[in-house]
Amino acid sequence: MSHNTHTAVELNTKEDFENYNFREKLKRAQRPYDYYKEIKDLDFEQLADSDRFFLQDFGIYNNSLDDEAFMLRLRFNAGRVEKEQLKEIAQITKEYALDIVLTARAGMQLHGLEAHNILEAYEKLKASNVVTWQSFGDNVRNITTDIFDGIGKQNIIEARPIIQQMHKFILKNPDYVGLLPRRISIGICGSKKSGTSFFASDVYFALAEKDNTYGFNVYLGGKNTELAQDANIFLEKHEVFGFFKAFIEVFNKHGLRLDRERNRLFHLLEEIGLQNFLDILKIQYKKEFTSKGETLIEKIEFEDFNELKDGTYSFCYHSKFARLTPKELENISNYVIENNLEVRLGTDQQVYIIGLKDKNIALKHDNENRTIVACAGSEYCPYAYWSIKDEVQFLPLDKIQKNKILIGFSGCLRGCAKHEHSDIGLVGLKSNYLGNREKTARVYLGAQYTHGKALARRVFNTIPLHSLKEFLTLIINEYEYSSYNTFEEFSNSVLNRYSIEFLNVWFLAKFKTKKEVYLNDFDEEKLIEDNFGDIKYSNMQESIKELSKQLWAYKQSEEDKKLNETFIMDHI
């Protein structure tokens, strides 16, 4: 039941402590900041669960499901990587033969470390001033912004100075290291046009204009499976940091701490209401809020080379679906040092090289696709069902790249690839589907992510992996047949006007019959009758089941049938 009064926010009392989740009790027993000094003396082959929790606050990850594997997560202020830091990271990844995964928060994960070398690698990074603190755990995570912040032709307010203030305030702050109720993701964009949506952030500061003054409108409560809400607040750029400090204090004091499945900012707003939260926040902020201005957001699709404000160019080096090899990182590092260039990591999991004199660069990438955001996958994450590196080959990559379709490819329902904030969202699962245990995908369509208007709808529950490429091709063909410039426009004007049941029947029937027919009418019943007359529109759910069964029901082979009918008797 939702609470309607301010006093209902006071949930974190002494009486509540007995009901706190395990991690909250650990925090009360020992501050994570105080735990840090113990790291140098740990036996990494004999970690307790409490050690694993605390280590995350300093960027060291180990999971009891795979206790021999260690990973380091690195955070980069606004995605900017110093040249000397990049050189050291490249040397470390080469020395320890590590796998590099770029994150959707413009950070980096180093996989492949073990108990005997994790501390050594960690100390080397620390000596090079590479930040790992608060990149995991219940912290303010890496703060993200537009990749062309401060340098792009579309940029109005450079966000980096504000991010640096935030970063300095929370980093290694004993009152906040690992002590928040849950993680906080923050996005701030000062560009009129951007290739990134930040509505999956807990806090999003979006470029806005009010009374001929540029500043930021505030949105609150987003996450991978929810959109941030309009808070009706306008901040001038010099006010953002004060708002941020007040917000962190209020969330730290009043955030939910009983159930880890319900302690994000979204859940607090759901529990007490946005207005109640803002009333409390205003007290901490110590001044009245100004009502929102006009949010300035326009989608732009950048090319590999882009001209910047100063006449120089940027180049987008494509990762291989969020992955880089140590050799690639070494080559990038050497090139930027030799040519005095800048490196930035994007939330699209690509590497951007800044400051080129013209549209020429000696570096070459192997992957042509740059519109797929992918989670780490089962190679590196114990929760993922799919190995993204392998399963991405089951996508129509050429069509995706040609049409610049944003794919969010998550290996489980946690949604690290933000599949509900993408043109086409995919979640890899394993299902006992129609008599056969196999890899299947959920498919999400229809997100209106640029302006934060709508999440993608879960349209298809179970598409077998072996059919995924052909099935997605049918969907993309439908978009190509339309007259819309982007898939997002197509979703808004076409796909979202149909029911989920109809879209299931329509694409399943097209997949089965191979008919080249297209959505040219919004009368669902007429479309079914005109093109697939044997399907009963009056019972769509039954039609979906029957079509799925015809397409993918497990058919027992003669060899399997003989084997299943064979009885083996023990010797008496």
Protein backbone atom coordinates (compact mmCIF):
# COMPACT_ATOMS: atom_id res chain seq x y z
CA MET A 1 0.00 0.00 0.00
CA SER A 2 1.34 3.42 -0.94
CA HIS A 3 1.90 6.01 1.78
CA ASN A 4 0.43 9.47 1.51
CA THR A 5 2.09 11.44 4.29
CA HIS A 6 5.61 12.67 4.88
CA THR A 7 5.93 10.78 8.15
CA ALA A 8 5.47 7.53 6.26
CA VAL A 9 8.88 8.10 4.71
CA GLU A 10 10.57 7.49 8.04
CA LEU A 11 10.94 3.79 7.38
CA ASN A 12 14.55 3.36 8.46
CA THR A 13 14.17 3.28 12.21
CA LYS A 14 15.81 1.11 14.87
CA GLU A 15 12.69 -1.02 14.91
CA ASP A 16 13.16 -1.75 11.21
CA PHE A 17 16.71 -3.03 11.66
CA GLU A 18 15.70 -6.63 12.35
CA ASN A 19 13.95 -6.70 8.98
CA TYR A 20 16.81 -5.20 7.01
CA ASN A 21 18.31 -7.32 4.27
CA PHE A 22 21.66 -9.00 4.86
CA ARG A 23 23.65 -6.35 3.06
CA GLU A 24 22.13 -3.53 5.11
CA LYS A 25 23.03 -5.35 8.31
CA LEU A 26 26.62 -5.64 7.09
CA LYS A 27 26.74 -1.89 6.51
CA ARG A 28 25.55 -1.28 10.07
CA ALA A 29 28.18 -3.65 11.43
CA GLN A 30 31.03 -2.03 9.52
CA ARG A 31 31.26 0.95 7.21
CA PRO A 32 32.56 -0.10 3.78
CA TYR A 33 35.03 2.80 3.92
CA ASP A 34 36.58 1.29 7.06
CA TYR A 35 36.73 -2.14 5.42
CA TYR A 36 39.02 -0.84 2.68
CA LYS A 37 42.18 -1.15 4.80
CA GLU A 38 41.56 -4.91 5.14
CA ILE A 39 41.80 -5.62 1.41
CA LYS A 40 45.60 -5.88 1.34
CA ASP A 41 45.51 -8.74 3.88
CA LEU A 42 42.66 -10.77 2.37
CA ASP A 43 43.01 -14.38 1.30
CA PHE A 44 41.22 -14.11 -2.03
CA GLU A 45 40.90 -17.89 -2.23
CA GLN A 46 38.80 -17.95 0.95
CA LEU A 47 36.39 -15.06 0.67
CA ALA A 48 33.26 -14.83 2.78
CA ASP A 49 30.04 -13.45 1.36
CA SER A 50 30.59 -10.33 3.42
CA ASP A 51 33.96 -9.83 1.72
CA ARG A 52 32.36 -10.11 -1.70
CA PHE A 53 29.81 -7.45 -0.81
CA PHE A 54 32.39 -5.01 0.54
CA LEU A 55 34.87 -5.56 -2.31
CA GLN A 56 32.28 -4.41 -4.83
CA ASP A 57 32.46 -0.91 -3.35
CA PHE A 58 36.07 -0.74 -4.52
CA GLY A 59 35.54 -2.20 -7.98
CA ILE A 60 36.49 -5.83 -7.25
CA TYR A 61 33.89 -8.41 -8.23
CA ASN A 62 33.71 -12.08 -7.35
CA ASN A 63 30.63 -14.29 -7.22
CA SER A 64 30.15 -17.43 -5.15
CA LEU A 65 28.66 -19.11 -8.24
CA ASP A 66 32.08 -18.84 -9.86
CA ASP A 67 34.44 -18.13 -6.99
CA GLU A 68 37.65 -18.60 -8.99
CA ALA A 69 36.92 -15.72 -11.39
CA PHE A 70 37.60 -12.08 -10.53
CA MET A 71 36.81 -8.89 -12.38
CA LEU A 72 37.76 -5.24 -11.97
CA ARG A 73 35.41 -2.43 -12.97
CA LEU A 74 36.89 0.95 -13.84
CA ARG A 75 35.03 4.27 -13.78
CA PHE A 76 35.90 7.24 -15.97
CA ASN A 77 34.60 10.70 -15.24
CA ALA A 78 32.14 11.50 -18.07
CA GLY A 79 33.67 8.64 -20.05
CA ARG A 80 36.97 10.47 -20.54
CA VAL A 81 40.14 8.41 -20.29
CA GLU A 82 43.53 10.04 -19.83
CA LYS A 83 46.14 8.87 -22.35
CA GLU A 84 48.58 7.64 -19.71
CA GLN A 85 45.80 5.77 -17.92
CA LEU A 86 44.82 4.07 -21.17
CA LYS A 87 48.43 3.05 -21.73
CA GLU A 88 48.67 1.46 -18.29
CA ILE A 89 45.33 -0.34 -18.68
CA ALA A 90 46.49 -1.69 -22.04
CA GLN A 91 49.72 -2.98 -20.48
CA ILE A 92 47.87 -4.65 -17.60
CA THR A 93 45.34 -6.35 -19.87
CA LYS A 94 48.18 -7.62 -22.03
CA GLU A 95 50.28 -8.80 -19.09
CA TYR A 96 47.43 -10.77 -17.51
CA ALA A 97 45.73 -11.76 -20.81
CA LEU A 98 42.47 -10.14 -19.73
CA ASP A 99 39.16 -9.76 -21.56
CA ILE A 100 37.91 -6.18 -21.86
CA VAL A 101 34.19 -5.37 -21.78
CA LEU A 102 32.92 -1.82 -22.23
CA THR A 103 29.82 -0.96 -20.20
CA ALA A 104 26.66 0.98 -20.97
CA ARG A 105 27.74 3.50 -18.32
CA ALA A 106 30.90 4.46 -20.22
CA GLY A 107 33.09 2.32 -18.00
CA MET A 108 35.26 -0.73 -18.46
CA GLN A 109 35.38 -4.23 -17.01
CA LEU A 110 38.56 -6.32 -16.92
CA HIS A 111 37.77 -10.05 -16.82
CA GLY A 112 40.07 -13.04 -16.38
CA LEU A 113 41.78 -12.25 -13.09
CA GLU A 114 42.19 -14.89 -10.40
CA ALA A 115 42.78 -15.04 -6.67
CA HIS A 116 46.57 -15.00 -7.02
CA ASN A 117 46.78 -11.87 -9.17
CA ILE A 118 43.68 -9.76 -8.48
CA LEU A 119 45.33 -7.65 -5.78
CA GLU A 120 48.48 -7.12 -7.83
CA ALA A 121 46.48 -5.87 -10.84
CA TYR A 122 44.33 -3.71 -8.56
CA GLU A 123 47.39 -2.03 -7.04
CA LYS A 124 48.86 -1.32 -10.48
CA LEU A 125 45.68 0.43 -11.56
CA LYS A 126 45.59 2.41 -8.34
CA ALA A 127 49.18 3.55 -8.88
CA SER A 128 48.14 4.92 -12.29
CA ASN A 129 45.23 6.88 -10.76
CA VAL A 130 42.65 4.69 -12.46
CA VAL A 131 39.48 4.90 -10.37
CA THR A 132 37.72 1.72 -9.29
CA TRP A 133 36.01 3.00 -6.13
CA GLN A 134 32.22 2.96 -6.13
CA SER A 135 31.92 1.43 -9.59
CA PHE A 136 29.81 -1.39 -8.10
CA GLY A 137 27.62 -1.80 -5.06
CA ASP A 138 25.26 0.67 -3.41
CA ASN A 139 26.90 3.79 -4.73
CA VAL A 140 26.53 6.62 -7.17
CA ARG A 141 27.82 4.82 -10.25
CA ASN A 142 29.80 6.32 -13.11
CA ILE A 143 28.06 9.57 -14.13
CA THR A 144 27.34 9.66 -17.85
CA THR A 145 26.86 12.35 -20.46
CA ASP A 146 26.75 12.88 -24.21
CA ILE A 147 29.86 11.60 -25.97
CA PHE A 148 30.41 15.03 -27.59
CA ASP A 149 30.02 16.96 -24.36
CA GLY A 150 31.89 20.27 -24.64
CA ILE A 151 33.11 19.65 -28.18
CA GLY A 152 30.11 18.81 -30.36
CA LYS A 153 28.35 21.33 -32.57
CA GLN A 154 25.11 20.45 -30.78
CA ASN A 155 26.49 21.06 -27.28
CA ILE A 156 25.11 24.06 -25.35
CA ILE A 157 26.29 23.41 -21.78
CA GLU A 158 29.39 21.37 -21.04
CA ALA A 159 28.39 18.88 -18.34
CA ARG A 160 31.86 17.71 -17.36
CA PRO A 161 32.60 20.50 -14.81
CA ILE A 162 29.32 19.64 -13.04
CA ILE A 163 30.13 15.93 -13.16
CA GLN A 164 33.55 16.65 -11.67
CA GLN A 165 31.88 18.41 -8.74
CA MET A 166 29.58 15.45 -8.16
CA HIS A 167 32.43 12.98 -8.56
CA LYS A 168 34.62 14.82 -6.05
CA PHE A 169 31.77 15.00 -3.54
CA ILE A 170 30.86 11.30 -3.50
CA LEU A 171 34.18 9.60 -4.30
CA LYS A 172 35.81 8.13 -1.19
CA ASN A 173 33.32 10.01 0.98
CA PRO A 174 33.05 7.87 4.17
CA ASP A 175 29.40 8.84 4.60
CA TYR A 176 28.41 7.47 1.20
CA VAL A 177 30.84 4.76 0.09
CA GLY A 178 28.66 1.66 -0.17
CA LEU A 179 26.06 3.09 2.21
CA LEU A 180 23.24 4.14 -0.11
CA PRO A 181 20.09 1.98 -0.05
CA ARG A 182 20.86 0.95 -3.63
CA ARG A 183 22.85 2.16 -6.59
CA ILE A 184 22.14 5.51 -8.21
CA SER A 185 22.73 6.11 -11.90
CA ILE A 186 22.96 9.70 -13.09
CA GLY A 187 22.87 11.09 -16.62
CA ILE A 188 23.34 14.72 -17.57
CA CYS A 189 23.20 15.99 -21.13
CA GLY A 190 23.86 19.56 -22.23
CA SER A 191 23.45 18.90 -25.97
CA LYS A 192 20.41 19.75 -28.09
CA LYS A 193 20.97 16.68 -30.22
CA SER A 194 22.29 13.41 -28.89
CA GLY A 195 22.56 9.79 -29.92
CA THR A 196 21.91 8.67 -26.34
CA SER A 197 18.77 8.49 -24.22
CA PHE A 198 19.24 8.95 -20.47
CA PHE A 199 15.68 8.17 -19.33
CA ALA A 200 16.85 4.88 -17.79
CA SER A 201 18.74 6.91 -15.16
CA ASP A 202 17.67 7.32 -11.54
CA VAL A 203 18.35 11.02 -12.03
CA TYR A 204 18.46 12.67 -15.45
CA PHE A 205 19.39 16.31 -15.95
CA ALA A 206 18.12 17.12 -19.47
CA LEU A 207 19.06 20.26 -21.37
CA ALA A 208 16.22 22.76 -21.16
CA GLU A 209 15.46 26.42 -21.74
CA LYS A 210 13.38 28.75 -19.58
CA ASP A 211 13.03 32.52 -19.86
CA ASN A 212 15.82 32.61 -22.45
CA THR A 213 18.17 30.80 -20.07
CA TYR A 214 19.67 27.38 -20.69
CA GLY A 215 19.71 24.90 -17.83
CA PHE A 216 18.37 21.46 -17.03
CA ASN A 217 14.98 19.87 -16.41
CA VAL A 218 15.00 17.09 -13.81
CA TYR A 219 13.66 13.56 -14.28
CA LEU A 220 13.64 10.99 -11.47
CA GLY A 221 13.18 7.27 -10.93
CA GLY A 222 14.35 5.62 -14.14
CA LYS A 223 16.01 2.23 -14.35
CA ASN A 224 16.61 -0.46 -16.95
CA THR A 225 12.94 -1.40 -16.93
CA GLU A 226 11.35 1.98 -16.12
CA LEU A 227 11.34 5.55 -17.45
CA ALA A 228 12.40 8.51 -15.32
CA GLN A 229 9.47 10.77 -14.38
CA ASP A 230 9.19 14.48 -15.02
CA ALA A 231 9.85 16.22 -11.67
CA ASN A 232 8.71 19.65 -12.96
CA ILE A 233 11.99 21.26 -11.86
CA PHE A 234 14.27 23.58 -13.81
CA LEU A 235 17.84 24.14 -12.62
CA GLU A 236 20.38 26.60 -13.90
CA LYS A 237 23.77 25.00 -14.37
CA HIS A 238 25.19 26.49 -11.16
CA GLU A 239 22.27 24.94 -9.21
CA VAL A 240 22.74 21.33 -10.32
CA PHE A 241 25.44 20.42 -7.83
CA GLY A 242 23.47 21.76 -4.86
CA PHE A 243 20.42 19.79 -6.01
CA PHE A 244 22.58 16.68 -6.39
CA LYS A 245 23.94 16.96 -2.83
CA ALA A 246 20.46 17.41 -1.41
CA PHE A 247 19.16 14.47 -3.41
CA ILE A 248 21.90 12.12 -2.21
CA GLU A 249 21.31 13.08 1.40
CA VAL A 250 17.55 12.53 1.12
CA PHE A 251 17.86 9.21 -0.69
CA ASN A 252 20.47 7.99 1.76
CA LYS A 253 18.26 8.87 4.73
CA HIS A 254 14.82 7.90 3.43
CA GLY A 255 15.49 5.22 0.81
CA LEU A 256 13.96 1.77 1.31
CA ARG A 257 16.30 -0.75 2.96
CA LEU A 258 14.17 -3.79 3.77
CA ASP A 259 13.96 -5.70 0.48
CA ARG A 260 16.79 -5.52 -2.08
CA GLU A 261 14.31 -6.25 -4.84
CA ARG A 262 12.48 -3.04 -3.96
CA ASN A 263 14.99 -0.43 -2.89
CA ARG A 264 15.78 1.57 -6.01
CA LEU A 265 14.68 5.20 -6.21
CA PHE A 266 11.82 4.06 -8.45
CA HIS A 267 10.41 1.97 -5.60
CA LEU A 268 10.68 4.82 -3.11
CA LEU A 269 8.75 7.11 -5.47
CA GLU A 270 6.22 4.35 -5.99
CA GLU A 271 5.88 3.91 -2.22
CA ILE A 272 5.50 7.53 -1.12
CA GLY A 273 4.70 9.39 -4.33
CA LEU A 274 6.82 11.77 -6.36
CA GLN A 275 5.37 14.91 -4.78
CA ASN A 276 6.01 13.73 -1.22
CA PHE A 277 9.60 12.97 -2.18
CA LEU A 278 10.03 16.41 -3.74
CA ASP A 279 8.58 18.10 -0.64
CA ILE A 280 11.22 16.41 1.51
CA LEU A 281 13.93 17.13 -1.04
CA LYS A 282 12.98 20.83 -1.04
CA ILE A 283 13.59 21.01 2.72
CA GLN A 284 17.09 19.59 2.28
CA TYR A 285 17.72 21.82 -0.77
CA LYS A 286 16.77 24.87 1.36
CA LYS A 287 15.11 26.82 -1.44
CA GLU A 288 12.04 26.73 -3.63
CA PHE A 289 12.13 24.80 -6.87
CA THR A 290 11.60 26.56 -10.18
CA SER A 291 9.06 24.87 -12.46
CA LYS A 292 10.35 23.15 -15.57
CA GLY A 293 11.35 24.81 -18.81
CA GLU A 294 11.21 23.37 -22.33
CA THR A 295 13.21 20.16 -22.58
CA LEU A 296 15.51 20.29 -25.61
CA ILE A 297 15.98 16.80 -26.95
CA GLU A 298 16.45 15.80 -30.55
CA LYS A 299 17.64 12.44 -31.82
CA ILE A 300 20.67 12.39 -34.08
CA GLU A 301 22.41 9.46 -35.74
CA PHE A 302 26.13 10.10 -35.86
CA GLU A 303 28.49 8.69 -38.47
CA ASP A 304 31.88 7.14 -37.78
CA PHE A 305 33.56 10.50 -38.50
CA ASN A 306 31.98 13.69 -37.13
CA GLU A 307 33.17 17.27 -37.40
CA LEU A 308 33.46 19.05 -34.04
CA LYS A 309 33.11 22.68 -32.93
CA ASP A 310 36.77 23.48 -33.47
CA GLY A 311 36.92 21.99 -36.98
CA THR A 312 38.66 18.77 -35.92
CA TYR A 313 37.02 15.36 -36.22
CA SER A 314 36.07 12.45 -34.01
CA PHE A 315 36.23 8.79 -35.01
CA CYS A 316 34.08 6.01 -33.57
CA TYR A 317 36.12 2.83 -33.14
CA HIS A 318 33.66 -0.06 -33.02
CA SER A 319 34.06 -2.58 -30.25
CA LYS A 320 33.03 -6.13 -31.00
CA PHE A 321 29.66 -5.96 -29.23
CA ALA A 322 31.19 -4.30 -26.15
CA ARG A 323 34.42 -6.31 -26.30
CA LEU A 324 37.99 -5.22 -26.99
CA THR A 325 41.15 -7.28 -27.07
CA PRO A 326 44.31 -6.17 -25.22
CA LYS A 327 45.98 -5.74 -28.63
CA GLU A 328 43.21 -3.40 -29.80
CA LEU A 329 43.51 -1.34 -26.63
CA GLU A 330 47.29 -1.19 -27.03
CA ASN A 331 46.94 -0.02 -30.64
CA ILE A 332 44.44 2.67 -29.67
CA SER A 333 46.66 3.80 -26.80
CA ASN A 334 49.77 4.04 -28.97
CA TYR A 335 47.91 5.93 -31.69
CA VAL A 336 46.39 8.58 -29.42
CA ILE A 337 49.71 9.17 -27.64
CA GLU A 338 51.66 9.46 -30.90
CA ASN A 339 49.11 11.87 -32.38
CA ASN A 340 48.20 13.76 -29.18
CA LEU A 341 44.54 12.82 -29.36
CA GLU A 342 41.81 12.29 -26.76
CA VAL A 343 39.87 9.10 -25.94
CA ARG A 344 36.32 8.85 -24.66
CA LEU A 345 34.15 5.84 -23.90
CA GLY A 346 30.52 6.08 -24.97
CA THR A 347 27.40 4.69 -23.35
CA ASP A 348 26.94 2.89 -26.69
CA GLN A 349 29.98 0.76 -25.74
CA GLN A 350 32.18 2.26 -28.45
CA VAL A 351 35.54 4.06 -28.26
CA TYR A 352 35.71 7.62 -29.55
CA ILE A 353 38.98 9.18 -30.66
CA ILE A 354 38.87 12.97 -30.56
CA GLY A 355 40.93 15.66 -32.30
CA LEU A 356 41.70 14.26 -35.76
CA LYS A 357 42.73 16.83 -38.38
CA ASP A 358 40.63 15.16 -41.08
CA LYS A 359 38.51 12.08 -41.82
CA ASN A 360 41.45 9.71 -41.89
CA ILE A 361 42.76 7.32 -39.29
CA ALA A 362 45.16 4.39 -39.39
CA LEU A 363 43.15 2.35 -36.89
CA LYS A 364 40.72 -0.21 -38.31
CA HIS A 365 37.96 -2.08 -36.51
CA ASP A 366 36.70 -5.55 -37.40
CA ASN A 367 33.03 -5.01 -36.56
CA GLU A 368 30.84 -2.90 -38.84
CA ASN A 369 27.94 -2.75 -36.41
CA ARG A 370 27.76 0.02 -33.79
CA THR A 371 24.06 0.01 -32.82
CA ILE A 372 23.95 -3.10 -30.62
CA VAL A 373 24.26 -2.54 -26.86
CA ALA A 374 25.06 -5.85 -25.19
CA CYS A 375 25.40 -7.16 -21.67
CA ALA A 376 28.50 -9.08 -20.58
CA GLY A 377 26.85 -12.44 -21.32
CA SER A 378 27.27 -15.87 -19.76
CA GLU A 379 31.04 -15.88 -20.29
CA TYR A 380 31.38 -13.26 -17.59
CA CYS A 381 28.07 -13.06 -15.74
CA PRO A 382 26.61 -15.98 -13.75
CA TYR A 383 23.07 -14.64 -14.25
CA ALA A 384 23.15 -14.54 -18.06
CA TYR A 385 21.72 -17.43 -20.08
CA TRP A 386 23.31 -16.48 -23.39
CA SER A 387 26.86 -15.93 -24.55
CA ILE A 388 26.40 -12.64 -26.36
CA LYS A 389 29.59 -13.06 -28.39
CA ASP A 390 28.22 -16.28 -29.89
CA GLU A 391 24.50 -15.53 -30.04
CA VAL A 392 24.88 -12.15 -31.74
CA GLN A 393 25.61 -14.08 -34.92
CA PHE A 394 21.94 -15.13 -34.89
CA LEU A 395 20.90 -11.52 -35.59
CA PRO A 396 20.47 -9.95 -39.06
CA LEU A 397 23.53 -7.77 -38.51
CA ASP A 398 23.65 -6.25 -42.00
CA LYS A 399 20.04 -5.08 -41.83
CA ILE A 400 20.47 -3.76 -38.30
CA GLN A 401 23.49 -1.67 -39.30
CA LYS A 402 22.01 -0.50 -42.61
CA ASN A 403 18.90 0.82 -40.87
CA LYS A 404 20.74 2.02 -37.74
CA ILE A 405 18.36 0.12 -35.48
CA LEU A 406 19.19 0.29 -31.79
CA ILE A 407 19.28 -3.22 -30.31
CA GLY A 408 19.38 -3.80 -26.55
CA PHE A 409 20.67 -7.35 -26.08
CA SER A 410 20.38 -8.60 -22.48
CA GLY A 411 21.42 -12.07 -21.41
CA CYS A 412 18.82 -12.18 -18.62
CA LEU A 413 15.86 -10.24 -17.24
CA ARG A 414 18.06 -7.88 -15.21
CA GLY A 415 18.26 -5.86 -18.40
CA CYS A 416 21.83 -4.52 -18.31
CA ALA A 417 21.58 -3.75 -22.04
CA LYS A 418 18.42 -1.67 -21.46
CA HIS A 419 16.32 -3.78 -23.80
CA GLU A 420 13.15 -1.86 -22.90
CA HIS A 421 14.80 1.41 -23.98
CA SER A 422 15.73 0.21 -27.48
CA ASP A 423 14.17 -0.08 -30.94
CA ILE A 424 14.28 -3.84 -30.65
CA GLY A 425 14.94 -5.35 -27.23
CA LEU A 426 16.10 -8.92 -26.77
CA VAL A 427 16.34 -11.01 -23.62
CA GLY A 428 18.08 -14.35 -23.94
CA LEU A 429 16.52 -17.16 -21.91
CA LYS A 430 16.42 -20.93 -21.75
CA SER A 431 12.96 -22.44 -22.02
CA ASN A 432 11.34 -25.83 -21.97
CA TYR A 433 9.42 -24.74 -25.01
CA LEU A 434 6.93 -27.01 -26.77
CA GLY A 435 8.71 -30.11 -25.56
CA ASN A 436 12.26 -29.00 -26.20
CA ARG A 437 14.74 -27.41 -23.80
CA GLU A 438 16.49 -24.70 -25.80
CA LYS A 439 17.66 -21.11 -25.97
CA THR A 440 14.84 -18.70 -26.71
CA ALA A 441 14.46 -14.94 -26.89
CA ARG A 442 11.87 -12.50 -25.66
CA VAL A 443 11.41 -9.70 -28.14
CA TYR A 444 10.43 -6.15 -27.15
CA LEU A 445 9.18 -3.54 -29.62
CA GLY A 446 7.83 -0.01 -29.64
CA ALA A 447 10.02 2.00 -27.24
CA GLN A 448 9.75 5.79 -27.47
CA TYR A 449 13.05 6.33 -25.73
CA THR A 450 14.31 9.62 -27.20
CA HIS A 451 11.76 11.72 -25.29
CA GLY A 452 11.10 9.16 -22.55
CA LYS A 453 7.49 8.61 -23.58
CA ALA A 454 7.16 4.82 -23.53
CA LEU A 455 9.06 1.64 -22.78
CA ALA A 456 9.13 -1.14 -25.33
CA ARG A 457 6.30 -3.67 -25.10
CA ARG A 458 7.07 -7.34 -24.60
CA VAL A 459 5.56 -8.57 -27.85
CA PHE A 460 7.00 -12.06 -28.35
CA ASN A 461 7.60 -14.27 -25.33
CA THR A 462 9.46 -17.16 -26.90
CA ILE A 463 11.32 -17.15 -30.22
CA PRO A 464 13.80 -20.05 -30.55
CA LEU A 465 17.37 -18.94 -31.16
CA HIS A 466 17.64 -20.85 -34.43
CA SER A 467 14.69 -18.85 -35.86
CA LEU A 468 15.63 -15.45 -34.43
CA LYS A 469 17.51 -14.09 -37.44
CA GLU A 470 14.71 -14.83 -39.88
CA PHE A 471 12.07 -13.58 -37.46
CA LEU A 472 13.79 -10.25 -36.83
CA THR A 473 14.34 -9.89 -40.56
CA LEU A 474 10.56 -10.00 -41.06
CA ILE A 475 10.12 -7.18 -38.54
CA ILE A 476 12.85 -5.06 -40.13
CA ASN A 477 11.43 -5.74 -43.62
CA GLU A 478 8.15 -4.30 -42.37
CA TYR A 479 9.99 -1.14 -41.30
CA GLU A 480 11.83 -0.90 -44.62
CA TYR A 481 8.51 -1.14 -46.45
CA SER A 482 7.18 1.83 -44.47
CA SER A 483 8.02 5.45 -45.24
CA TYR A 484 9.44 6.32 -41.81
CA ASN A 485 12.96 7.66 -41.35
CA THR A 486 13.72 5.86 -38.09
CA PHE A 487 12.58 2.65 -36.44
CA GLU A 488 11.43 4.68 -33.45
CA GLU A 489 9.07 6.70 -35.69
CA PHE A 490 7.84 3.46 -37.28
CA SER A 491 7.16 2.01 -33.84
CA ASN A 492 5.20 5.06 -32.75
CA SER A 493 3.14 5.43 -35.92
CA VAL A 494 2.67 1.78 -36.85
CA LEU A 495 3.61 -0.97 -34.40
CA ASN A 496 2.20 0.70 -31.30
CA ARG A 497 -1.21 1.07 -32.92
CA TYR A 498 -1.69 -2.70 -33.00
CA SER A 499 -2.41 -5.04 -30.12
CA ILE A 500 0.31 -7.38 -28.93
CA GLU A 501 -1.87 -10.38 -29.83
CA PHE A 502 -2.29 -9.15 -33.40
CA LEU A 503 1.45 -8.54 -33.85
CA ASN A 504 2.12 -12.08 -32.63
CA VAL A 505 -0.33 -13.61 -35.09
CA TRP A 506 0.76 -11.36 -37.97
CA PHE A 507 4.48 -12.12 -37.75
CA LEU A 508 4.05 -15.79 -36.84
CA ALA A 509 1.78 -16.23 -39.85
CA LYS A 510 4.25 -14.42 -42.12
CA PHE A 511 7.06 -16.57 -40.78
CA LYS A 512 5.07 -19.76 -41.43
CA THR A 513 3.63 -18.92 -44.87
CA LYS A 514 6.55 -16.84 -46.22
CA LYS A 515 4.00 -14.43 -47.66
CA GLU A 516 5.32 -11.00 -48.58
CA VAL A 517 2.48 -8.95 -47.18
CA TYR A 518 2.73 -5.76 -45.16
CA LEU A 519 0.86 -3.68 -42.59
CA ASN A 520 -1.17 -1.31 -44.77
CA ASP A 521 -4.32 -0.98 -42.68
CA PHE A 522 -5.11 -0.51 -38.99
CA ASP A 523 -8.12 -2.80 -39.10
CA GLU A 524 -6.62 -5.89 -37.47
CA GLU A 525 -9.45 -8.23 -38.35
CA LYS A 526 -9.41 -7.18 -42.00
CA LEU A 527 -5.63 -7.66 -42.25
CA ILE A 528 -5.91 -11.20 -40.90
CA GLU A 529 -8.88 -12.13 -43.10
CA ASP A 530 -7.40 -10.64 -46.28
CA ASN A 531 -3.98 -12.23 -45.87
CA PHE A 532 -4.39 -15.31 -43.67
CA GLY A 533 -8.01 -16.38 -44.09
CA ASP A 534 -7.60 -19.70 -42.26
CA ILE A 535 -6.70 -17.91 -38.98
CA LYS A 536 -9.53 -17.03 -36.61
CA TYR A 537 -9.28 -13.42 -35.47
CA SER A 538 -11.90 -14.06 -32.80
CA ASN A 539 -9.50 -16.24 -30.81
CA MET A 540 -6.06 -14.70 -31.13
CA GLN A 541 -4.51 -16.46 -28.14
CA GLU A 542 -5.45 -19.85 -29.53
CA SER A 543 -4.09 -18.85 -32.93
CA ILE A 544 -0.77 -17.85 -31.35
CA LYS A 545 -0.50 -21.23 -29.60
CA GLU A 546 -1.39 -23.16 -32.73
CA LEU A 547 1.02 -21.25 -34.98
CA SER A 548 3.85 -21.64 -32.46
CA LYS A 549 3.15 -25.34 -32.17
CA GLN A 550 3.16 -25.80 -35.93
CA LEU A 551 6.43 -23.92 -36.24
CA TRP A 552 8.45 -25.12 -33.30
CA ALA A 553 6.89 -28.09 -31.51
CA TYR A 554 9.47 -30.75 -30.79
CA LYS A 555 9.24 -33.56 -33.33
CA GLN A 556 10.60 -36.83 -32.05
CA SER A 557 12.97 -38.50 -34.50
CA GLU A 558 12.80 -42.21 -35.23
CA GLU A 559 16.12 -42.68 -33.40
CA ASP A 560 14.78 -40.87 -30.31
CA LYS A 561 11.56 -42.88 -30.47
CA LYS A 562 13.47 -46.17 -30.49
CA LEU A 563 15.71 -45.00 -27.67
CA ASN A 564 12.75 -43.91 -25.53
CA GLU A 565 11.07 -47.28 -26.07
CA THR A 566 14.15 -49.24 -25.05
CA PHE A 567 14.13 -50.73 -21.54
CA ILE A 568 17.36 -51.59 -19.77
CA MET A 569 17.07 -54.29 -17.11
CA ASP A 570 19.59 -54.89 -14.36
CA HIS A 571 21.26 -58.29 -14.17
CA ILE A 572 19.59 -60.46 -11.56
